[in-house]
Amino acid sequence: SLPLLEIPTHIPRTLELKEVTHLLQSQIETIPLKEALGRISAENITPYPPGIPITIQGEEITAKAITFYENLHHYPNSHIFAHDLTLKTIRVVK
């Protein structure tokens, strides 16, 4: 028979939410969108319509995506969900 597995209940140290948030924030920087080519996105960027993210966290930012974002302001009925609603800057991994 298999030995009984004991669930570990002693956790020597836990990080508080503010510590985790600081760790994550220390790995992210905000840069001009024009300088983001080839960098890794640290945010989801979702235009409405269609409401589908064009760039997601962890994805490399392409020239095509940058061109799309730069031209988005030509469409008056579009909206953007991103850290910088103007899309002049973007959050990327350091």
Protein backbone atom coordinates (compact mmCIF):
# COMPACT_ATOMS: atom_id res chain seq x y z
CA SER A 1 0.00 0.00 0.00
CA LEU A 2 1.05 3.56 -0.58
CA PRO A 3 2.25 5.64 2.36
CA LEU A 4 -0.14 8.28 3.61
CA LEU A 5 0.88 11.70 2.30
CA GLU A 6 0.83 14.39 4.91
CA ILE A 7 -0.29 17.80 3.67
CA PRO A 8 2.27 20.43 4.67
CA THR A 9 0.69 22.90 7.04
CA HIS A 10 3.74 24.81 8.25
CA ILE A 11 4.60 27.67 5.93
CA PRO A 12 7.76 29.39 7.19
CA ARG A 13 7.16 32.69 5.41
CA THR A 14 4.48 34.27 3.31
CA LEU A 15 4.65 37.49 1.40
CA GLU A 16 2.02 40.05 2.05
CA LEU A 17 0.10 41.30 -0.96
CA LYS A 18 1.92 44.63 -0.89
CA GLU A 19 5.28 42.79 -1.05
CA VAL A 20 4.17 40.70 -4.03
CA THR A 21 2.86 43.81 -5.78
CA HIS A 22 6.20 45.55 -5.20
CA LEU A 23 8.10 42.59 -6.62
CA LEU A 24 5.94 42.59 -9.71
CA GLN A 25 6.11 46.36 -10.15
CA SER A 26 9.90 46.32 -9.85
CA GLN A 27 10.02 44.12 -12.97
CA ILE A 28 7.87 46.47 -15.06
CA GLU A 29 8.69 49.77 -16.71
CA THR A 30 6.64 52.22 -18.72
CA ILE A 31 8.16 53.32 -22.02
CA PRO A 32 6.98 55.26 -25.08
CA LEU A 33 4.97 53.07 -27.43
CA LYS A 34 7.36 53.89 -30.28
CA GLU A 35 10.22 52.28 -28.31
CA ALA A 36 8.33 49.07 -27.50
CA LEU A 37 9.21 47.06 -30.62
CA GLY A 38 10.50 43.63 -29.60
CA ARG A 39 9.81 44.19 -25.90
CA ILE A 40 7.57 41.94 -23.81
CA SER A 41 4.22 43.45 -22.84
CA ALA A 42 3.40 43.65 -19.14
CA GLU A 43 -0.24 44.49 -19.82
CA ASN A 44 -3.19 43.50 -21.92
CA ILE A 45 -4.23 46.07 -24.50
CA THR A 46 -7.80 45.78 -25.67
CA PRO A 47 -9.49 48.07 -28.20
CA TYR A 48 -13.29 48.35 -28.28
CA PRO A 49 -14.68 47.38 -30.67
CA PRO A 50 -14.06 44.46 -31.01
CA GLY A 51 -13.19 44.00 -27.30
CA ILE A 52 -10.55 41.36 -27.99
CA PRO A 53 -7.00 41.97 -26.70
CA ILE A 54 -4.54 42.77 -29.47
CA THR A 55 -1.58 42.42 -27.11
CA ILE A 56 -1.57 40.27 -23.98
CA GLN A 57 0.83 40.10 -21.04
CA GLY A 58 3.94 38.15 -21.91
CA GLU A 59 3.62 38.69 -25.65
CA GLU A 60 6.32 40.32 -27.76
CA ILE A 61 5.22 43.68 -29.15
CA THR A 62 5.36 43.69 -32.94
CA ALA A 63 5.67 46.48 -35.49
CA LYS A 64 2.19 45.60 -36.75
CA ALA A 65 0.69 46.06 -33.26
CA ILE A 66 2.47 49.40 -32.79
CA THR A 67 1.18 50.65 -36.16
CA PHE A 68 -2.33 49.51 -35.24
CA TYR A 69 -2.20 51.39 -31.92
CA GLU A 70 -0.77 54.52 -33.52
CA ASN A 71 -3.63 54.59 -36.04
CA LEU A 72 -6.39 53.79 -33.58
CA HIS A 73 -7.03 57.47 -32.81
CA HIS A 74 -8.32 57.92 -36.39
CA TYR A 75 -11.45 55.99 -35.39
CA PRO A 76 -13.52 58.27 -33.15
CA ASN A 77 -15.86 55.54 -31.88
CA SER A 78 -13.07 53.28 -30.66
CA HIS A 79 -11.99 53.00 -27.05
CA ILE A 80 -8.95 51.40 -25.49
CA PHE A 81 -8.48 49.48 -22.28
CA ALA A 82 -4.82 49.79 -21.24
CA HIS A 83 -2.72 51.33 -18.49
CA ASP A 84 -2.30 54.49 -20.59
CA LEU A 85 -5.60 55.20 -22.33
CA THR A 86 -3.81 57.44 -24.83
CA LEU A 87 -1.40 54.62 -25.77
CA LYS A 88 1.50 57.04 -25.83
CA THR A 89 3.21 54.73 -23.35
CA ILE A 90 3.09 51.03 -22.69
CA ARG A 91 4.09 48.85 -19.75
CA VAL A 92 6.78 46.29 -20.56
CA VAL A 93 8.95 43.79 -18.72
CA LYS A 94 12.39 45.18 -17.79
